[in-house]
């Protein structure tokens, strides 16, 4: 199955929350030392943040949606590749700074946060 991060999105982000999340993501890209690649498929004003690891360091794409969809089981398998740190950082930031995610968890930690 591989190493995986999980989360529960209980509602849409507010516009203010989404602005904070996007700023944090931009900061993360600035601090990155070459492990993250931004998905340029969607324009910046689209309500998605999409990224993965670079080249052979990629695994499964991380997708953060502004609007809650019908998926109850959200996850991103990273196989412990270096971009996992960015995935977990964004999940932790969102949980701590918004009300959109009620739970986050990763395979290393047995309990939901």
C-alpha atoms as a PDB file:
ATOM      1  CA  UNK A   1       0.000   0.000   0.000  1.00  0.00           C
ATOM      2  CA  UNK A   2       2.789   2.486   0.761  1.00  0.00           C
ATOM      3  CA  UNK A   3       3.205   5.399   3.074  1.00  0.00           C
ATOM      4  CA  UNK A   4       0.126   7.622   3.070  1.00  0.00           C
ATOM      5  CA  UNK A   5      -1.259  10.894   4.480  1.00  0.00           C
ATOM      6  CA  UNK A   6      -5.019  11.127   5.169  1.00  0.00           C
ATOM      7  CA  UNK A   7      -7.407  13.982   5.935  1.00  0.00           C
ATOM      8  CA  UNK A   8     -11.072  14.822   6.293  1.00  0.00           C
ATOM      9  CA  UNK A   9     -12.424  17.993   4.711  1.00  0.00           C
ATOM     10  CA  UNK A  10     -15.688  18.874   6.437  1.00  0.00           C
ATOM     11  CA  UNK A  11     -16.484  22.124   4.599  1.00  0.00           C
ATOM     12  CA  UNK A  12     -15.322  24.597   1.964  1.00  0.00           C
ATOM     13  CA  UNK A  13     -12.545  27.018   2.850  1.00  0.00           C
ATOM     14  CA  UNK A  14     -13.687  30.590   3.345  1.00  0.00           C
ATOM     15  CA  UNK A  15     -12.129  33.109   0.945  1.00  0.00           C
ATOM     16  CA  UNK A  16      -9.864  34.407   3.743  1.00  0.00           C
ATOM     17  CA  UNK A  17      -8.783  30.884   4.691  1.00  0.00           C
ATOM     18  CA  UNK A  18      -8.085  29.993   1.072  1.00  0.00           C
ATOM     19  CA  UNK A  19      -5.933  33.112   0.705  1.00  0.00           C
ATOM     20  CA  UNK A  20      -3.893  32.031   3.760  1.00  0.00           C
ATOM     21  CA  UNK A  21      -3.520  28.481   2.424  1.00  0.00           C
ATOM     22  CA  UNK A  22      -2.370  29.728  -0.984  1.00  0.00           C
ATOM     23  CA  UNK A  23       0.141  32.091   0.658  1.00  0.00           C
ATOM     24  CA  UNK A  24       1.516  29.250   2.742  1.00  0.00           C
ATOM     25  CA  UNK A  25       1.851  27.093  -0.359  1.00  0.00           C
ATOM     26  CA  UNK A  26       3.733  29.880  -2.175  1.00  0.00           C
ATOM     27  CA  UNK A  27       6.043  30.233   0.836  1.00  0.00           C
ATOM     28  CA  UNK A  28       6.608  26.475   0.806  1.00  0.00           C
ATOM     29  CA  UNK A  29       7.617  26.610  -2.864  1.00  0.00           C
ATOM     30  CA  UNK A  30      10.066  29.433  -2.092  1.00  0.00           C
ATOM     31  CA  UNK A  31      11.644  27.412   0.736  1.00  0.00           C
ATOM     32  CA  UNK A  32      11.787  24.185  -1.282  1.00  0.00           C
ATOM     33  CA  UNK A  33      15.217  22.806  -2.064  1.00  0.00           C
ATOM     34  CA  UNK A  34      14.231  21.126  -5.305  1.00  0.00           C
ATOM     35  CA  UNK A  35      11.839  18.395  -4.145  1.00  0.00           C
ATOM     36  CA  UNK A  36       8.478  19.892  -5.169  1.00  0.00           C
ATOM     37  CA  UNK A  37       7.008  20.488  -8.593  1.00  0.00           C
ATOM     38  CA  UNK A  38       3.891  22.609  -9.041  1.00  0.00           C
ATOM     39  CA  UNK A  39       1.247  21.306 -11.417  1.00  0.00           C
ATOM     40  CA  UNK A  40       0.768  24.087 -13.972  1.00  0.00           C
ATOM     41  CA  UNK A  41      -2.347  22.494 -15.530  1.00  0.00           C
ATOM     42  CA  UNK A  42      -4.752  24.915 -13.885  1.00  0.00           C
ATOM     43  CA  UNK A  43      -4.494  28.729 -13.776  1.00  0.00           C
ATOM     44  CA  UNK A  44      -3.575  30.365 -10.457  1.00  0.00           C
ATOM     45  CA  UNK A  45      -7.119  31.537  -9.860  1.00  0.00           C
ATOM     46  CA  UNK A  46      -8.489  27.998 -10.047  1.00  0.00           C
ATOM     47  CA  UNK A  47      -9.608  26.619  -6.671  1.00  0.00           C
ATOM     48  CA  UNK A  48      -6.959  23.891  -6.510  1.00  0.00           C
ATOM     49  CA  UNK A  49      -3.413  23.506  -5.236  1.00  0.00           C
ATOM     50  CA  UNK A  50      -1.675  20.597  -6.955  1.00  0.00           C
ATOM     51  CA  UNK A  51       1.896  19.398  -6.465  1.00  0.00           C
ATOM     52  CA  UNK A  52       4.112  16.335  -6.483  1.00  0.00           C
ATOM     53  CA  UNK A  53       7.753  15.411  -6.075  1.00  0.00           C
ATOM     54  CA  UNK A  54      10.175  16.129  -8.921  1.00  0.00           C
ATOM     55  CA  UNK A  55      11.102  13.432 -11.459  1.00  0.00           C
ATOM     56  CA  UNK A  56      11.999  10.131  -9.803  1.00  0.00           C
ATOM     57  CA  UNK A  57      11.068  11.657  -6.428  1.00  0.00           C
ATOM     58  CA  UNK A  58       7.403  11.861  -7.447  1.00  0.00           C
ATOM     59  CA  UNK A  59       4.740   9.436  -6.347  1.00  0.00           C
ATOM     60  CA  UNK A  60       1.092  10.456  -5.997  1.00  0.00           C
ATOM     61  CA  UNK A  61      -0.097  13.992  -6.663  1.00  0.00           C
ATOM     62  CA  UNK A  62      -1.259  16.082  -3.687  1.00  0.00           C
ATOM     63  CA  UNK A  63      -4.502  17.949  -4.395  1.00  0.00           C
ATOM     64  CA  UNK A  64      -5.966  20.555  -2.047  1.00  0.00           C
ATOM     65  CA  UNK A  65      -9.435  21.745  -3.039  1.00  0.00           C
ATOM     66  CA  UNK A  66     -11.042  24.983  -1.903  1.00  0.00           C
ATOM     67  CA  UNK A  67     -14.470  23.393  -2.112  1.00  0.00           C
ATOM     68  CA  UNK A  68     -15.406  20.191  -0.366  1.00  0.00           C
ATOM     69  CA  UNK A  69     -16.460  17.519  -2.797  1.00  0.00           C
ATOM     70  CA  UNK A  70     -18.278  14.255  -2.162  1.00  0.00           C
ATOM     71  CA  UNK A  71     -15.148  12.266  -1.325  1.00  0.00           C
ATOM     72  CA  UNK A  72     -15.121  11.149   2.293  1.00  0.00           C
ATOM     73  CA  UNK A  73     -11.751   9.410   2.177  1.00  0.00           C
ATOM     74  CA  UNK A  74      -8.992  11.818   1.131  1.00  0.00           C
ATOM     75  CA  UNK A  75      -5.383  10.677   0.940  1.00  0.00           C
ATOM     76  CA  UNK A  76      -2.033  11.146  -0.766  1.00  0.00           C
ATOM     77  CA  UNK A  77       0.499   8.309  -1.011  1.00  0.00           C
ATOM     78  CA  UNK A  78       4.033   9.681  -0.932  1.00  0.00           C
ATOM     79  CA  UNK A  79       6.071   6.503  -0.303  1.00  0.00           C
ATOM     80  CA  UNK A  80       8.161   8.577   2.149  1.00  0.00           C
ATOM     81  CA  UNK A  81       9.704  10.516  -0.725  1.00  0.00           C
ATOM     82  CA  UNK A  82      11.090  13.980   0.149  1.00  0.00           C
ATOM     83  CA  UNK A  83       7.961  15.890  -0.909  1.00  0.00           C
ATOM     84  CA  UNK A  84       6.086  14.123   1.911  1.00  0.00           C
ATOM     85  CA  UNK A  85       7.345  16.886   4.195  1.00  0.00           C
ATOM     86  CA  UNK A  86       5.525  19.465   2.049  1.00  0.00           C
ATOM     87  CA  UNK A  87       2.333  17.383   2.035  1.00  0.00           C
ATOM     88  CA  UNK A  88       2.354  17.032   5.824  1.00  0.00           C
ATOM     89  CA  UNK A  89       3.267  20.695   6.283  1.00  0.00           C
ATOM     90  CA  UNK A  90       0.274  21.817   4.229  1.00  0.00           C
ATOM     91  CA  UNK A  91      -2.078  19.448   6.056  1.00  0.00           C
ATOM     92  CA  UNK A  92      -0.834  20.676   9.434  1.00  0.00           C
ATOM     93  CA  UNK A  93      -1.096  24.313   8.391  1.00  0.00           C
ATOM     94  CA  UNK A  94      -4.647  23.841   7.134  1.00  0.00           C
ATOM     95  CA  UNK A  95      -5.762  21.984  10.269  1.00  0.00           C
ATOM     96  CA  UNK A  96      -4.200  24.591  12.576  1.00  0.00           C
ATOM     97  CA  UNK A  97      -5.266  27.718  10.689  1.00  0.00           C
ATOM     98  CA  UNK A  98      -8.660  26.927   9.187  1.00  0.00           C
ATOM     99  CA  UNK A  99     -11.812  25.053  10.097  1.00  0.00           C
ATOM    100  CA  UNK A 100     -12.008  23.162   6.803  1.00  0.00           C
ATOM    101  CA  UNK A 101     -10.154  19.986   7.885  1.00  0.00           C
ATOM    102  CA  UNK A 102     -11.371  18.142  10.953  1.00  0.00           C
ATOM    103  CA  UNK A 103      -8.736  15.394  10.958  1.00  0.00           C
ATOM    104  CA  UNK A 104      -5.276  14.686   9.570  1.00  0.00           C
ATOM    105  CA  UNK A 105      -3.235  11.518   9.924  1.00  0.00           C
ATOM    106  CA  UNK A 106      -0.262   9.739   8.402  1.00  0.00           C
ATOM    107  CA  UNK A 107       0.817   6.124   8.521  1.00  0.00           C
ATOM    108  CA  UNK A 108       3.552   6.810  11.104  1.00  0.00           C
ATOM    109  CA  UNK A 109       0.995   8.115  13.597  1.00  0.00           C
ATOM    110  CA  UNK A 110      -1.810   5.792  14.597  1.00  0.00           C
ATOM    111  CA  UNK A 111      -4.120   8.445  15.997  1.00  0.00           C
ATOM    112  CA  UNK A 112      -6.066  11.111  14.195  1.00  0.00           C
ATOM    113  CA  UNK A 113      -4.960  14.655  15.037  1.00  0.00           C
END
